[in-house]
N, C-alpha and C. Protein backbone atom coordinates (compact mmCIF):
# COMPACT_ATOMS: atom_id res chain seq x y z
N MET A 1 123.75 111.70 137.73
CA MET A 1 122.93 112.55 136.91
C MET A 1 123.69 113.83 136.52
N ASN A 2 124.46 114.35 137.46
CA ASN A 2 125.22 115.57 137.18
C ASN A 2 126.26 115.33 136.08
N ARG A 3 126.87 114.14 136.10
CA ARG A 3 127.87 113.84 135.08
C ARG A 3 127.22 113.78 133.71
N PHE A 4 126.01 113.20 133.65
CA PHE A 4 125.30 113.14 132.38
C PHE A 4 124.93 114.53 131.89
N GLN A 5 124.46 115.38 132.81
CA GLN A 5 124.09 116.75 132.42
C GLN A 5 125.31 117.51 131.91
N GLN A 6 126.45 117.35 132.57
CA GLN A 6 127.66 118.02 132.11
C GLN A 6 128.05 117.55 130.73
N TRP A 7 127.98 116.23 130.53
CA TRP A 7 128.33 115.67 129.22
C TRP A 7 127.36 116.16 128.15
N PHE A 8 126.06 116.13 128.47
CA PHE A 8 125.04 116.52 127.49
C PHE A 8 125.13 118.01 127.16
N ASN A 9 125.39 118.84 128.17
CA ASN A 9 125.44 120.29 127.95
C ASN A 9 126.66 120.72 127.14
N GLN A 10 127.71 119.92 127.14
CA GLN A 10 128.90 120.30 126.37
C GLN A 10 128.74 119.97 124.88
N LEU A 11 127.71 119.19 124.54
CA LEU A 11 127.49 118.86 123.14
C LEU A 11 126.90 120.05 122.39
N LYS A 12 127.15 120.05 121.09
CA LYS A 12 126.56 121.07 120.22
C LYS A 12 125.07 120.78 120.08
N PRO A 13 124.25 121.77 119.74
CA PRO A 13 122.80 121.54 119.62
C PRO A 13 122.43 120.40 118.66
N ALA A 14 123.15 120.29 117.55
CA ALA A 14 122.86 119.20 116.61
C ALA A 14 123.18 117.85 117.24
N GLN A 15 124.27 117.80 117.99
CA GLN A 15 124.64 116.55 118.66
C GLN A 15 123.64 116.22 119.78
N GLN A 16 123.11 117.26 120.45
CA GLN A 16 122.11 117.01 121.48
C GLN A 16 120.85 116.40 120.88
N LYS A 17 120.43 116.92 119.73
CA LYS A 17 119.26 116.36 119.06
C LYS A 17 119.50 114.91 118.67
N THR A 18 120.70 114.63 118.15
CA THR A 18 121.03 113.26 117.76
C THR A 18 121.03 112.34 118.97
N ALA A 19 121.59 112.79 120.08
CA ALA A 19 121.62 111.97 121.29
C ALA A 19 120.21 111.70 121.80
N LEU A 20 119.33 112.71 121.75
CA LEU A 20 117.95 112.50 122.20
C LEU A 20 117.20 111.54 121.30
N VAL A 21 117.41 111.65 119.99
CA VAL A 21 116.74 110.74 119.05
C VAL A 21 117.23 109.31 119.28
N LEU A 22 118.52 109.12 119.45
CA LEU A 22 119.06 107.78 119.70
C LEU A 22 118.53 107.21 121.00
N PHE A 23 118.44 108.04 122.04
CA PHE A 23 117.91 107.58 123.31
C PHE A 23 116.45 107.16 123.16
N CYS A 24 115.66 107.96 122.44
CA CYS A 24 114.25 107.63 122.25
C CYS A 24 114.09 106.34 121.45
N LEU A 25 114.91 106.16 120.41
CA LEU A 25 114.84 104.92 119.63
C LEU A 25 115.22 103.71 120.47
N LEU A 26 116.24 103.84 121.29
CA LEU A 26 116.64 102.74 122.16
C LEU A 26 115.55 102.41 123.15
N PHE A 27 114.95 103.44 123.75
CA PHE A 27 113.87 103.23 124.71
C PHE A 27 112.68 102.57 124.04
N ALA A 28 112.33 103.00 122.83
CA ALA A 28 111.20 102.42 122.11
C ALA A 28 111.45 100.96 121.77
N CYS A 29 112.67 100.65 121.35
CA CYS A 29 113.01 99.25 121.03
C CYS A 29 112.91 98.37 122.26
N LEU A 30 113.43 98.83 123.38
CA LEU A 30 113.35 98.04 124.61
C LEU A 30 111.91 97.87 125.07
N LEU A 31 111.10 98.91 124.91
CA LEU A 31 109.70 98.82 125.29
C LEU A 31 108.95 97.82 124.43
N ILE A 32 109.19 97.86 123.13
CA ILE A 32 108.53 96.93 122.21
C ILE A 32 108.95 95.50 122.52
N LEU A 33 110.24 95.30 122.75
CA LEU A 33 110.71 93.95 123.06
C LEU A 33 110.13 93.44 124.38
N SER A 34 110.03 94.30 125.36
CA SER A 34 109.50 93.84 126.65
C SER A 34 108.02 93.51 126.54
N ILE A 35 107.28 94.27 125.74
CA ILE A 35 105.85 93.96 125.56
C ILE A 35 105.69 92.70 124.73
N ARG A 36 106.51 92.54 123.71
CA ARG A 36 106.37 91.41 122.80
C ARG A 36 106.69 90.08 123.48
N TYR A 37 107.69 90.06 124.33
CA TYR A 37 108.16 88.80 124.90
C TYR A 37 107.70 88.55 126.33
N GLN A 38 106.79 89.37 126.84
CA GLN A 38 106.31 89.10 128.18
C GLN A 38 105.35 87.91 128.13
N GLN A 39 105.29 87.16 129.19
CA GLN A 39 104.42 86.00 129.24
C GLN A 39 103.00 86.44 129.53
N THR A 40 102.09 85.86 128.80
CA THR A 40 100.69 86.16 129.05
C THR A 40 100.02 84.89 129.53
N ASN A 41 99.35 84.98 130.65
CA ASN A 41 98.62 83.85 131.20
C ASN A 41 97.14 84.11 131.03
N MET A 42 96.50 83.21 130.33
CA MET A 42 95.08 83.36 130.11
C MET A 42 94.37 82.20 130.79
N ASN A 43 93.48 82.49 131.70
CA ASN A 43 92.71 81.47 132.37
C ASN A 43 91.35 81.34 131.69
N THR A 44 91.35 80.60 130.62
CA THR A 44 90.11 80.40 129.88
C THR A 44 89.85 78.92 129.72
N GLY A 45 88.61 78.61 129.45
CA GLY A 45 88.25 77.22 129.19
C GLY A 45 88.46 76.89 127.73
N ASN A 46 87.89 75.78 127.30
CA ASN A 46 88.00 75.40 125.90
C ASN A 46 87.14 76.31 125.06
N ILE A 47 87.71 76.75 123.97
CA ILE A 47 86.98 77.62 123.06
C ILE A 47 86.45 76.76 121.92
N VAL A 48 85.13 76.76 121.76
CA VAL A 48 84.52 75.97 120.71
C VAL A 48 84.49 76.81 119.45
N GLN A 49 85.13 76.29 118.41
CA GLN A 49 85.14 77.02 117.16
C GLN A 49 83.96 76.57 116.30
N PRO A 50 83.28 77.52 115.69
CA PRO A 50 82.14 77.13 114.86
C PRO A 50 82.60 76.39 113.61
N ARG A 51 81.78 75.47 113.16
CA ARG A 51 82.10 74.75 111.93
C ARG A 51 81.79 75.64 110.74
N LEU A 52 82.67 75.60 109.77
CA LEU A 52 82.48 76.42 108.58
C LEU A 52 81.62 75.65 107.58
N LYS A 53 80.63 76.30 107.06
CA LYS A 53 79.80 75.68 106.03
C LYS A 53 80.46 75.94 104.68
N THR A 54 80.69 74.85 103.95
CA THR A 54 81.31 74.99 102.64
C THR A 54 80.27 74.77 101.57
N ASP A 55 80.50 75.30 100.44
CA ASP A 55 79.59 75.15 99.31
C ASP A 55 79.74 73.73 98.76
N THR A 56 78.66 72.97 98.79
CA THR A 56 78.74 71.57 98.35
C THR A 56 78.88 71.45 96.85
N LEU A 57 78.53 72.46 96.10
CA LEU A 57 78.66 72.38 94.64
C LEU A 57 80.13 72.42 94.21
N LYS A 58 80.99 73.04 95.00
CA LYS A 58 82.40 73.13 94.63
C LYS A 58 83.08 71.76 94.71
N HIS A 59 82.58 70.89 95.58
CA HIS A 59 83.27 69.62 95.84
C HIS A 59 82.72 68.49 95.02
N ARG A 60 81.82 68.72 94.09
CA ARG A 60 81.28 67.63 93.26
C ARG A 60 82.14 67.36 92.08
């Protein structure tokens, strides 16, 4: 951690902002990927879908 602080503190303020933005973007991408590709287990029974009523005049 000390090495990172030394490296970060030697950067210019504009470079520090850029480094923080890049870190946040990387963290956000990893978070989105981990949420998107995690396995979801759903213990549900069969879901009965209702039948759609269609207009019989369209099919004549």
